[in-house]
Protein backbone atom coordinates (compact mmCIF):
# COMPACT_ATOMS: atom_id res chain seq x y z
CA MET A 1 9.67 18.93 11.89
CA GLY A 2 9.30 15.33 10.79
CA GLN A 3 6.67 14.40 8.28
CA ILE A 4 4.00 11.95 9.40
CA ARG A 5 3.74 9.09 6.94
CA SER A 6 1.45 6.16 6.52
CA VAL A 7 2.52 3.01 8.30
CA PRO A 8 3.11 -0.04 6.11
CA PRO A 9 1.10 -3.14 6.94
CA VAL A 10 2.74 -6.02 8.78
CA LYS A 11 2.53 -9.81 8.83
CA LEU A 12 0.70 -11.04 11.92
CA PHE A 13 1.65 -14.40 13.39
CA CYS A 14 1.14 -16.43 16.52
CA GLY A 15 3.68 -18.55 18.31
CA VAL A 16 2.00 -21.57 19.86
CA LEU A 17 3.50 -23.53 22.73
CA TYR A 18 1.56 -26.69 23.47
CA ALA A 19 1.86 -29.70 25.71
CA ASP A 20 2.92 -32.98 24.17
CA GLY A 21 -0.19 -34.87 23.14
CA PHE A 22 -2.40 -31.79 23.07
CA PRO A 23 -4.45 -31.82 19.86
CA TRP A 24 -2.67 -29.38 17.54
CA ALA A 25 -5.59 -29.53 15.10
CA ALA A 26 -7.92 -28.12 17.78
CA VAL A 27 -5.53 -25.22 18.40
CA LEU A 28 -5.21 -24.44 14.71
CA GLU A 29 -8.97 -24.66 14.15
CA ARG A 30 -9.72 -22.25 17.00
CA LEU A 31 -6.93 -19.91 15.95
CA THR A 32 -8.10 -19.68 12.34
CA SER A 33 -11.73 -19.35 13.39
CA ALA A 34 -10.94 -16.38 15.64
CA CYS A 35 -8.03 -14.75 13.81
CA GLY A 36 -8.37 -15.69 10.16
CA PRO A 37 -6.78 -18.15 7.74
CA VAL A 38 -3.17 -19.19 8.12
CA ASP A 39 -0.89 -19.07 5.09
CA ARG A 40 2.34 -20.37 6.61
CA LEU A 41 3.04 -22.90 9.37
CA SER A 42 6.31 -23.93 10.93
CA GLU A 43 7.11 -27.53 11.63
CA PRO A 44 6.67 -28.63 15.25
CA LEU A 45 9.83 -27.65 17.11
CA PRO A 46 10.82 -29.01 20.51
CA PHE A 47 10.71 -26.31 23.15
CA ASN A 48 13.62 -27.24 25.38
CA PHE A 49 15.11 -23.85 26.16
CA THR A 50 13.74 -23.51 29.68
CA ASP A 51 11.73 -25.40 32.31
CA TYR A 52 9.51 -22.35 32.84
CA TYR A 53 6.37 -24.08 31.50
CA ARG A 54 7.01 -27.54 33.02
CA ASP A 55 4.54 -27.15 35.92
CA ASP A 56 1.79 -25.87 33.62
CA MET A 57 2.42 -27.93 30.46
CA GLY A 58 4.30 -31.02 31.55
CA PRO A 59 7.83 -32.14 30.68
CA VAL A 60 7.52 -32.12 26.88
CA VAL A 61 6.47 -28.91 25.12
CA TRP A 62 6.32 -28.11 21.40
CA ARG A 63 6.38 -24.81 19.53
CA ARG A 64 4.81 -23.94 16.19
CA PHE A 65 4.36 -20.64 14.43
CA ALA A 66 1.26 -19.80 12.40
CA ALA A 67 1.34 -16.74 10.13
CA PHE A 68 -2.00 -15.25 9.19
CA ALA A 69 -2.93 -14.68 5.55
CA GLY A 70 -2.71 -11.17 4.21
CA LEU A 71 -1.24 -8.04 5.71
CA ALA A 72 -2.64 -5.97 8.57
CA PRO A 73 -2.06 -2.66 10.32
CA PRO A 74 0.42 -3.01 13.21
CA GLY A 75 -2.08 -1.26 15.47
CA GLY A 76 -4.15 -4.46 15.45
CA LEU A 77 -1.64 -6.32 17.64
CA PRO A 78 -3.32 -5.50 20.99
CA ALA A 79 -6.69 -6.81 19.79
CA LEU A 80 -4.98 -9.97 18.53
CA LYS A 81 -3.37 -10.51 21.94
CA VAL A 82 -6.70 -10.02 23.72
CA THR A 83 -8.24 -12.58 21.34
CA THR A 84 -5.44 -15.12 21.82
CA ASN A 85 -5.64 -14.76 25.61
CA ARG A 86 -9.35 -15.60 25.42
CA LEU A 87 -8.63 -18.57 23.13
CA GLU A 88 -5.92 -19.83 25.44
CA ALA A 89 -8.35 -19.82 28.38
CA GLU A 90 -11.06 -21.53 26.30
CA LEU A 91 -8.69 -24.25 25.08
CA ALA A 92 -7.53 -24.94 28.64
CA ALA A 93 -11.15 -25.25 29.81
CA ASP A 94 -12.29 -27.37 26.85
CA GLU A 95 -9.60 -30.04 26.98
CA ALA A 96 -9.47 -32.43 29.93
CA THR A 97 -5.69 -32.71 30.06
CA GLY A 98 -5.10 -32.29 33.77
CA LEU A 99 -2.70 -29.50 32.88
CA ARG A 100 -3.13 -25.93 34.11
CA ARG A 101 -2.09 -24.38 30.83
CA PRO A 102 -1.80 -26.84 27.95
CA VAL A 103 -1.44 -24.03 25.37
CA ASN A 104 0.36 -20.69 25.36
CA LEU A 105 -0.38 -18.29 22.50
CA ASP A 106 2.17 -15.58 21.71
CA PRO A 107 1.02 -13.24 18.93
CA GLY A 108 3.28 -10.80 17.21
CA TYR A 109 4.07 -9.22 13.90
CA LEU A 110 6.90 -9.18 11.43
CA GLU A 111 7.94 -6.24 9.32
CA GLN A 112 11.07 -5.68 7.26
CA ALA A 113 13.24 -4.48 10.14
CA LYS A 114 11.93 -6.31 13.18
CA ILE A 115 9.73 -8.81 14.96
CA VAL A 116 7.43 -7.46 17.67
CA LEU A 117 5.77 -9.66 20.30
CA ALA A 118 2.74 -8.70 22.39
CA SER A 119 2.73 -9.12 26.15
CA THR A 120 0.41 -8.46 29.07
CA LYS A 121 3.45 -7.72 31.22
CA ASN A 122 5.19 -4.37 31.38
CA PHE A 123 8.97 -4.16 31.60
CA ALA A 124 11.66 -1.55 30.96
CA HIS A 125 12.10 -2.54 27.29
CA ARG A 126 8.39 -2.79 26.47
CA VAL A 127 6.16 -0.02 25.18
CA TYR A 128 2.47 0.28 26.01
CA LEU A 129 0.24 -0.22 22.95
CA ALA A 130 -3.43 -0.39 24.05
CA GLU A 131 -5.95 -2.56 25.92
CA GLY A 132 -3.45 -3.53 28.63
CA ILE A 133 -0.98 -4.85 26.04
CA TRP A 134 2.69 -3.98 25.63
CA GLY A 135 4.90 -4.52 22.60
CA GLU A 136 8.48 -5.75 22.55
CA VAL A 137 10.96 -5.71 19.69
CA THR A 138 12.29 -9.25 19.99
CA LEU A 139 14.52 -9.55 16.92
CA GLN A 140 15.88 -6.96 14.53
CA TRP A 141 16.95 -7.47 10.91
CA ARG A 142 20.48 -6.16 10.35
CA ASN A 143 23.16 -7.08 7.88
CA ARG A 144 20.88 -9.60 6.16
CA ARG A 145 20.18 -11.65 9.28
CA TRP A 146 18.21 -11.61 12.51
CA GLU A 147 19.96 -10.15 15.53
CA ALA A 148 18.90 -10.83 19.08
CA LEU A 149 18.62 -8.09 21.66
CA PRO A 150 19.64 -8.41 25.32
CA TRP A 151 16.05 -9.38 26.30
CA THR A 152 15.37 -11.74 23.38
CA PHE A 153 14.05 -15.06 24.68
CA PRO A 154 16.51 -17.96 24.18
CA ASP A 155 14.20 -19.81 21.79
CA PHE A 156 13.98 -16.80 19.45
CA ARG A 157 17.77 -16.87 19.22
CA SER A 158 17.70 -20.38 17.76
CA PRO A 159 18.60 -21.05 14.11
CA ALA A 160 15.33 -22.97 13.55
CA TYR A 161 13.15 -20.03 14.62
CA GLN A 162 15.24 -17.55 12.71
CA ALA A 163 15.09 -19.69 9.56
CA PHE A 164 11.28 -19.70 9.76
CA PHE A 165 11.20 -15.93 10.26
CA THR A 166 13.62 -15.36 7.39
CA GLU A 167 11.30 -17.32 5.08
CA LEU A 168 8.32 -15.41 6.47
CA ARG A 169 10.15 -12.10 5.94
CA ASP A 170 10.88 -13.02 2.31
CA ALA A 171 7.21 -13.91 1.75
CA TYR A 172 6.12 -10.71 3.52
CA ARG A 173 8.34 -8.59 1.28
CA ARG A 174 6.83 -10.20 -1.83
CA GLU A 175 3.32 -9.71 -0.47
CA LEU A 176 4.08 -6.10 0.45
CA THR A 177 5.34 -5.38 -3.07
CA GLN A 178 2.19 -6.90 -4.60
CA ALA A 179 -0.05 -4.89 -2.26
CA GLN A 180 1.47 -1.52 -3.15
CA PRO A 181 -0.18 0.36 -6.03
């Protein structure tokens, strides 16, 4: 029989897709107000991997990642996704952009071996978590680098994203070491 062990805390983050010209400062302010302070931000990265969001966000879309300060239990991911869905709807209603969905918030967490994203959509490779939210292992850490899985979104395969997550993983490992007694 396996022994049940405590689960190490994880690093929560949110991927933010936003329409060109949408006020990033407003997104960051709402995100930190609802989810807590951010201790690491990626640079704005062009999101040109698919036209999936063109009708909702326009022809030019940007991506940023915001990692939240501190460590948290992984079981908090569903509540974070529920919160970011609410924020996404509020931001769309508050800004008169003429766009259906000027912001898309994709929360997840990073731990030493993987990156998990939250989704409201079920699929064969997703596992139900709670509150109508599923979790998906999007990248795995193997042989000192991130490895994509067959279902990994094209943008998460990019060197720019993986460089950010490698830096975040290094910071997470330091933070995890400091948090342990």
